[in-house]
C-alpha cells in the first residue's frame, strides 16, 4: 500500500479500551516511582558529565529506578497496542500527581497546598489541550524515508535543546534538558505505536523507539540533577504527549478537530499548564542534596 493512504479504521472494543486505560494508569505509577528515585540519585554530590552516569551505574537504587522505568515502558507499550495513542498518551499527566506525594514522603515533608494546586493546573490544562486532538487514529502505511526523517528532525531538536541549555540560567537549563528528553520520549511512543499497528516495519519502528527512550532517559538524569523533580517532570509531562499527538497528526494523518470552542479550550489549557509549570519551577528541590551529602560515603557508592 502506498505511504500515507488511509484504510478503514477498525473500532477498538470497549474492553480493549478499558484495559488500555488501566495499563496506562499503572504505567504512570511506575514512571512516578522511577522519577523520584532518579532525582534522589542524580542529586547526590559527585563528578559531572559521563563520569556521573558511570557512577550511577554502581548505585542499586538507580537500578531500581531503571527497573521501574522498564516496567512502565512495557505497560505503556501494552496500552498502546490496545488503545489509540490519543487516549493512552494523555494519561501520562497522572505521573506528576503520583510523583509529588512520593517525592515528599521520601524527603520527609508534606506536599503544600500550592504544590497540589500547581499540579492540578498542569493536569487540568493538559487534559483540556488534549481534548482538541484526535480521539481515533486511522491506520496508515509509513515508509522508511518518513520514519528516518521524523527521527532526524526530532532527534536534532532534542540535541539542540540539550546543547542550548548549557549557556542558559540554572533553572532554565533543567527545563531545556527536560524538554529534550520529552521530545525523545514522545518520539519513542509514536514509533512504538507505528510498529505495534504495522504502520511501518516492526524492526524499524522498534529500534527507533528504543533509541529514543534510552536517549530520553539519559537526558532526564541531567534535568533532575539541575532542577530537582518538579519543573523537569512537569515539562516532561507537558511536552511528551504533545510531541506524540503531533506525530499522530503529521505522520499518522489523524484528523485534527478544529472549532472556535475547541481552540478556546486548548488555549485555556495551555495557559493553565504553563502557570502550573511556572509555579512548580519555583518549588525547591526535595532536599535530598543535603541527605545525599551525609550518605555519600556509604558502601552503596562503591
Protein backbone atom coordinates (compact mmCIF):
# COMPACT_ATOMS: atom_id res chain seq x y z
CA UNK A 1 0.00 0.00 0.00
CA UNK A 2 1.45 3.43 -0.86
CA UNK A 3 2.63 5.54 2.04
CA UNK A 4 0.02 7.78 3.64
CA UNK A 5 -3.06 6.01 2.22
CA UNK A 6 -5.68 5.63 4.92
CA UNK A 7 -7.68 2.43 5.19
CA UNK A 8 -10.93 1.92 7.06
CA UNK A 9 -10.12 2.15 10.78
CA UNK A 10 -11.15 -0.75 12.99
CA UNK A 11 -13.11 0.28 16.04
CA UNK A 12 -11.48 -0.97 19.25
CA UNK A 13 -13.82 -2.70 21.65
CA UNK A 14 -14.79 -1.23 24.99
CA UNK A 15 -12.95 -3.98 26.85
CA UNK A 16 -9.74 -3.21 24.95
CA UNK A 17 -10.03 0.50 25.75
CA UNK A 18 -10.63 -0.31 29.42
CA UNK A 19 -7.52 -2.49 29.56
CA UNK A 20 -5.54 0.20 27.75
CA UNK A 21 -6.59 2.85 30.28
CA UNK A 22 -5.89 0.56 33.23
CA UNK A 23 -2.44 -0.40 31.97
CA UNK A 24 -1.60 3.23 31.22
CA UNK A 25 -2.57 4.32 34.74
CA UNK A 26 -0.39 1.62 36.34
CA UNK A 27 2.38 2.64 33.97
CA UNK A 28 2.25 6.23 35.22
CA UNK A 29 2.65 4.98 38.79
CA UNK A 30 5.81 3.13 37.78
CA UNK A 31 7.12 6.19 35.95
CA UNK A 32 6.48 8.35 39.03
CA UNK A 33 8.40 5.93 41.25
CA UNK A 34 11.26 5.89 38.76
CA UNK A 35 11.34 9.70 38.52
CA UNK A 36 11.52 10.14 42.30
CA UNK A 37 14.36 7.61 42.60
CA UNK A 38 16.22 9.13 39.65
CA UNK A 39 16.04 12.59 41.20
CA UNK A 40 17.25 11.20 44.52
CA UNK A 41 20.25 9.51 42.97
CA UNK A 42 21.07 12.27 40.48
CA UNK A 43 21.07 14.87 43.29
CA UNK A 44 23.90 13.19 45.17
CA UNK A 45 27.24 15.05 45.01
CA UNK A 46 29.89 13.74 42.66
CA UNK A 47 31.50 14.19 39.26
CA UNK A 48 29.68 15.65 36.30
CA UNK A 49 29.17 14.53 32.71
CA UNK A 50 29.92 10.95 31.63
CA UNK A 51 31.62 10.21 34.95
CA UNK A 52 28.33 10.86 36.75
CA UNK A 53 26.47 8.39 34.56
CA UNK A 54 29.14 5.78 35.20
CA UNK A 55 28.85 6.42 38.95
CA UNK A 56 25.09 5.98 38.79
CA UNK A 57 25.61 2.51 37.32
CA UNK A 58 27.12 1.44 40.66
CA UNK A 59 24.15 2.59 42.73
CA UNK A 60 21.50 -0.10 43.48
CA UNK A 61 18.62 2.34 43.87
CA UNK A 62 19.34 3.80 40.45
CA UNK A 63 18.89 0.31 39.00
CA UNK A 64 15.58 0.05 40.88
CA UNK A 65 14.59 3.26 39.10
CA UNK A 66 15.65 1.75 35.78
CA UNK A 67 13.62 -1.40 36.53
CA UNK A 68 10.58 0.77 37.29
CA UNK A 69 11.12 2.59 34.01
CA UNK A 70 11.34 -0.69 32.10
CA UNK A 71 8.14 -1.93 33.75
CA UNK A 72 6.41 1.35 32.98
CA UNK A 73 7.57 1.21 29.36
CA UNK A 74 6.31 -2.35 28.99
CA UNK A 75 2.91 -1.43 30.40
CA UNK A 76 2.80 1.65 28.19
CA UNK A 77 3.58 -0.40 25.09
CA UNK A 78 0.85 -2.88 26.01
CA UNK A 79 -1.59 0.01 26.43
CA UNK A 80 -0.59 1.42 23.02
CA UNK A 81 -1.28 -1.98 21.47
CA UNK A 82 -4.81 -1.98 22.90
CA UNK A 83 -5.88 1.65 22.59
CA UNK A 84 -5.27 4.69 20.37
CA UNK A 85 -2.32 6.98 21.07
CA UNK A 86 -4.64 9.94 21.70
CA UNK A 87 -6.32 8.01 24.54
CA UNK A 88 -3.27 6.42 26.15
CA UNK A 89 -0.73 9.24 25.98
CA UNK A 90 -2.66 11.97 27.87
CA UNK A 91 -2.89 9.69 30.91
CA UNK A 92 0.81 10.38 31.45
CA UNK A 93 -0.18 13.57 33.30
CA UNK A 94 -1.01 11.33 36.28
CA UNK A 95 2.74 10.77 36.71
CA UNK A 96 3.06 14.21 38.28
CA UNK A 97 0.16 13.59 40.64
CA UNK A 98 1.72 10.32 41.83
CA UNK A 99 5.29 11.68 42.00
CA UNK A 100 4.53 14.69 44.20
CA UNK A 101 3.46 12.74 47.32
CA UNK A 102 6.09 10.05 46.67
CA UNK A 103 8.89 12.60 46.50
CA UNK A 104 7.63 14.49 49.51
CA UNK A 105 7.30 11.32 51.59
CA UNK A 106 10.83 10.26 50.69
CA UNK A 107 12.11 13.71 51.70
CA UNK A 108 10.12 13.63 54.95
CA UNK A 109 7.88 16.61 54.22
CA UNK A 110 4.25 17.36 53.40
CA UNK A 111 3.10 18.47 49.95
CA UNK A 112 1.93 22.06 50.24
CA UNK A 113 -1.40 23.33 49.00
CA UNK A 114 0.47 25.45 46.48
CA UNK A 115 2.19 22.38 45.03
CA UNK A 116 -1.10 20.49 44.81
CA UNK A 117 -2.70 23.48 43.13
CA UNK A 118 0.18 23.72 40.63
CA UNK A 119 -0.04 20.01 39.87
CA UNK A 120 -3.79 20.36 39.40
CA UNK A 121 -3.28 23.23 36.96
CA UNK A 122 -0.85 21.13 34.92
CA UNK A 123 -3.20 18.15 34.85
CA UNK A 124 -6.38 20.11 34.06
CA UNK A 125 -4.64 22.28 31.49
CA UNK A 126 -3.03 19.42 29.63
CA UNK A 127 -6.26 17.43 29.58
CA UNK A 128 -8.01 20.48 28.14
CA UNK A 129 -5.38 20.79 25.43
CA UNK A 130 -5.59 17.11 24.53
CA UNK A 131 -9.38 17.24 24.19
CA UNK A 132 -8.75 19.19 21.00
CA UNK A 133 -6.60 16.47 19.42
CA UNK A 134 -7.95 13.44 17.51
CA UNK A 135 -9.65 10.71 19.51
CA UNK A 136 -9.15 7.93 16.94
CA UNK A 137 -6.24 7.09 14.65
CA UNK A 138 -6.98 5.56 11.26
CA UNK A 139 -4.22 3.10 10.30
CA UNK A 140 -1.78 4.19 7.60
CA UNK A 141 1.41 2.92 5.98
CA UNK A 142 4.53 4.94 6.81
CA UNK A 143 7.61 4.31 4.70
CA UNK A 144 11.22 4.13 5.84
CA UNK A 145 12.14 7.62 4.48
CA UNK A 146 9.41 9.23 6.60
CA UNK A 147 10.50 7.32 9.70
CA UNK A 148 14.13 8.33 9.21
CA UNK A 149 13.24 11.96 8.51
CA UNK A 150 10.97 12.14 11.56
CA UNK A 151 13.63 10.65 13.82
CA UNK A 152 16.27 13.02 12.41
CA UNK A 153 14.13 16.14 12.89
CA UNK A 154 13.04 15.32 16.45
CA UNK A 155 16.46 13.98 17.41
CA UNK A 156 18.07 17.16 16.13
CA UNK A 157 15.58 19.28 18.08
CA UNK A 158 16.31 17.35 21.29
CA UNK A 159 20.06 17.66 20.77
CA UNK A 160 19.69 21.38 20.08
CA UNK A 161 17.75 21.94 23.31
CA UNK A 162 20.29 19.96 25.29
CA UNK A 163 23.18 21.90 23.78
CA UNK A 164 21.49 25.29 24.17
CA UNK A 165 20.77 24.55 27.82
CA UNK A 166 24.49 24.74 28.58
CA UNK A 167 24.50 28.54 28.18
CA UNK A 168 21.17 29.23 29.91
CA UNK A 169 20.45 30.07 33.59
CA UNK A 170 20.32 27.15 36.02
CA UNK A 171 16.54 26.77 36.25
CA UNK A 172 16.06 27.21 32.52
CA UNK A 173 18.79 24.62 31.90
CA UNK A 174 16.78 21.93 33.70
CA UNK A 175 13.62 22.78 31.75
CA UNK A 176 15.52 22.79 28.45
CA UNK A 177 17.11 19.43 29.15
CA UNK A 178 13.75 18.02 30.24
CA UNK A 179 12.19 19.34 27.03
CA UNK A 180 14.82 17.48 25.02
CA UNK A 181 14.09 14.32 26.99
CA UNK A 182 10.35 14.81 26.40
CA UNK A 183 10.91 15.02 22.65
CA UNK A 184 12.82 11.73 22.77
CA UNK A 185 10.10 10.04 24.84
CA UNK A 186 7.37 11.37 22.55
CA UNK A 187 9.28 10.07 19.54
CA UNK A 188 9.64 6.68 21.25
CA UNK A 189 5.89 6.43 21.92
CA UNK A 190 4.99 7.47 18.40
CA UNK A 191 7.38 4.95 16.85
CA UNK A 192 6.15 2.23 19.20
CA UNK A 193 2.61 2.92 18.02
CA UNK A 194 3.76 2.73 14.37
CA UNK A 195 5.50 -0.59 15.00
CA UNK A 196 2.66 -2.13 17.01
CA UNK A 197 -0.02 -1.23 14.46
CA UNK A 198 2.03 -2.35 11.46
CA UNK A 199 2.16 1.17 10.02
CA UNK A 200 5.90 0.69 9.50
CA UNK A 201 8.11 -2.44 9.57
CA UNK A 202 8.31 -3.59 13.18
CA UNK A 203 12.13 -3.77 13.45
CA UNK A 204 12.48 -0.21 12.16
CA UNK A 205 9.89 1.29 14.50
CA UNK A 206 11.13 -0.75 17.46
CA UNK A 207 14.77 0.29 17.01
CA UNK A 208 13.89 3.99 16.79
CA UNK A 209 11.57 3.66 19.80
CA UNK A 210 14.25 2.01 21.94
CA UNK A 211 16.90 4.54 20.93
CA UNK A 212 14.53 7.42 21.65
CA UNK A 213 13.58 6.07 25.08
CA UNK A 214 17.22 5.39 26.04
CA UNK A 215 18.31 8.86 24.96
CA UNK A 216 15.41 10.45 26.82
CA UNK A 217 16.31 8.53 29.99
CA UNK A 218 19.91 9.76 29.84
CA UNK A 219 18.86 13.37 29.21
CA UNK A 220 16.36 13.24 32.07
CA UNK A 221 19.19 12.42 34.52
CA UNK A 222 20.83 15.78 33.79
CA UNK A 223 17.49 17.60 34.10
CA UNK A 224 16.75 16.09 37.52
CA UNK A 225 20.28 16.87 38.63
CA UNK A 226 19.93 20.55 37.69
CA UNK A 227 16.35 21.29 38.69
CA UNK A 228 15.11 18.64 41.09
CA UNK A 229 11.86 16.82 40.43
CA UNK A 230 9.05 19.37 40.00
CA UNK A 231 9.82 21.55 36.98
CA UNK A 232 11.64 18.91 34.85
CA UNK A 233 8.94 16.30 35.48
CA UNK A 234 6.19 18.83 34.72
CA UNK A 235 7.96 19.74 31.48
CA UNK A 236 8.25 16.08 30.53
CA UNK A 237 4.58 15.51 31.23
CA UNK A 238 3.57 18.59 29.23
CA UNK A 239 5.66 18.01 26.11
CA UNK A 240 5.75 14.22 25.85
CA UNK A 241 2.04 13.83 24.97
CA UNK A 242 2.08 16.92 22.76
CA UNK A 243 5.01 15.55 20.74
CA UNK A 244 3.27 12.19 20.42
CA UNK A 245 0.00 13.80 19.36
CA UNK A 246 1.85 15.98 16.84
CA UNK A 247 3.33 12.81 15.38
CA UNK A 248 -0.17 11.37 15.19
CA UNK A 249 -1.44 14.35 13.23
CA UNK A 250 1.54 14.79 10.89
CA UNK A 251 2.77 11.22 10.41
CA UNK A 252 -0.32 9.10 11.09
CA UNK A 253 -2.66 11.60 9.39
CA UNK A 254 -5.08 11.74 12.31
CA UNK A 255 -7.81 14.31 11.63
CA UNK A 256 -7.50 17.32 13.93
CA UNK A 257 -10.82 18.67 15.21
CA UNK A 258 -10.73 22.47 14.98
CA UNK A 259 -13.68 24.63 16.07
CA UNK A 260 -13.72 28.03 17.81
CA UNK A 261 -14.82 26.41 21.06
CA UNK A 262 -12.09 23.78 20.97
CA UNK A 263 -9.45 26.37 20.09
CA UNK A 264 -10.52 28.45 23.10
CA UNK A 265 -10.41 25.36 25.31
CA UNK A 266 -6.94 24.47 24.05
CA UNK A 267 -5.58 27.98 24.67
CA UNK A 268 -7.05 27.99 28.18
CA UNK A 269 -5.43 24.61 28.79
CA UNK A 270 -2.05 25.89 27.61
CA UNK A 271 -2.27 28.88 29.95
CA UNK A 272 -3.27 26.68 32.88
CA UNK A 273 -0.46 24.22 32.21
CA UNK A 274 2.15 26.96 31.73
CA UNK A 275 1.14 28.58 35.02
CA UNK A 276 1.38 25.24 36.82
CA UNK A 277 4.86 24.59 35.40
CA UNK A 278 5.99 28.10 36.40
CA UNK A 279 4.78 27.52 39.96
CA UNK A 280 6.49 24.15 40.18
CA UNK A 281 9.71 25.64 38.79
CA UNK A 282 9.89 27.87 41.90
CA UNK A 283 9.43 24.95 44.31
CA UNK A 284 12.77 23.98 45.90
CA UNK A 285 14.23 20.56 45.17
CA UNK A 286 13.20 17.77 47.50
CA UNK A 287 16.06 18.42 49.91
CA UNK A 288 17.79 15.18 49.08
CA UNK A 289 21.00 17.01 48.25
CA UNK A 290 21.62 17.54 51.92
CA UNK A 291 20.74 13.96 52.72
CA UNK A 292 22.99 12.81 49.91
CA UNK A 293 25.94 14.65 51.43
CA UNK A 294 25.57 12.72 54.66
CA UNK A 295 25.36 9.37 52.88
CA UNK A 296 27.87 9.98 50.13
CA UNK A 297 30.38 7.66 51.73
CA UNK A 298 28.09 4.68 52.21
CA UNK A 299 29.06 1.28 50.74
CA UNK A 300 26.45 1.75 48.03
CA UNK A 301 28.71 4.33 46.41
CA UNK A 302 31.19 1.66 45.60
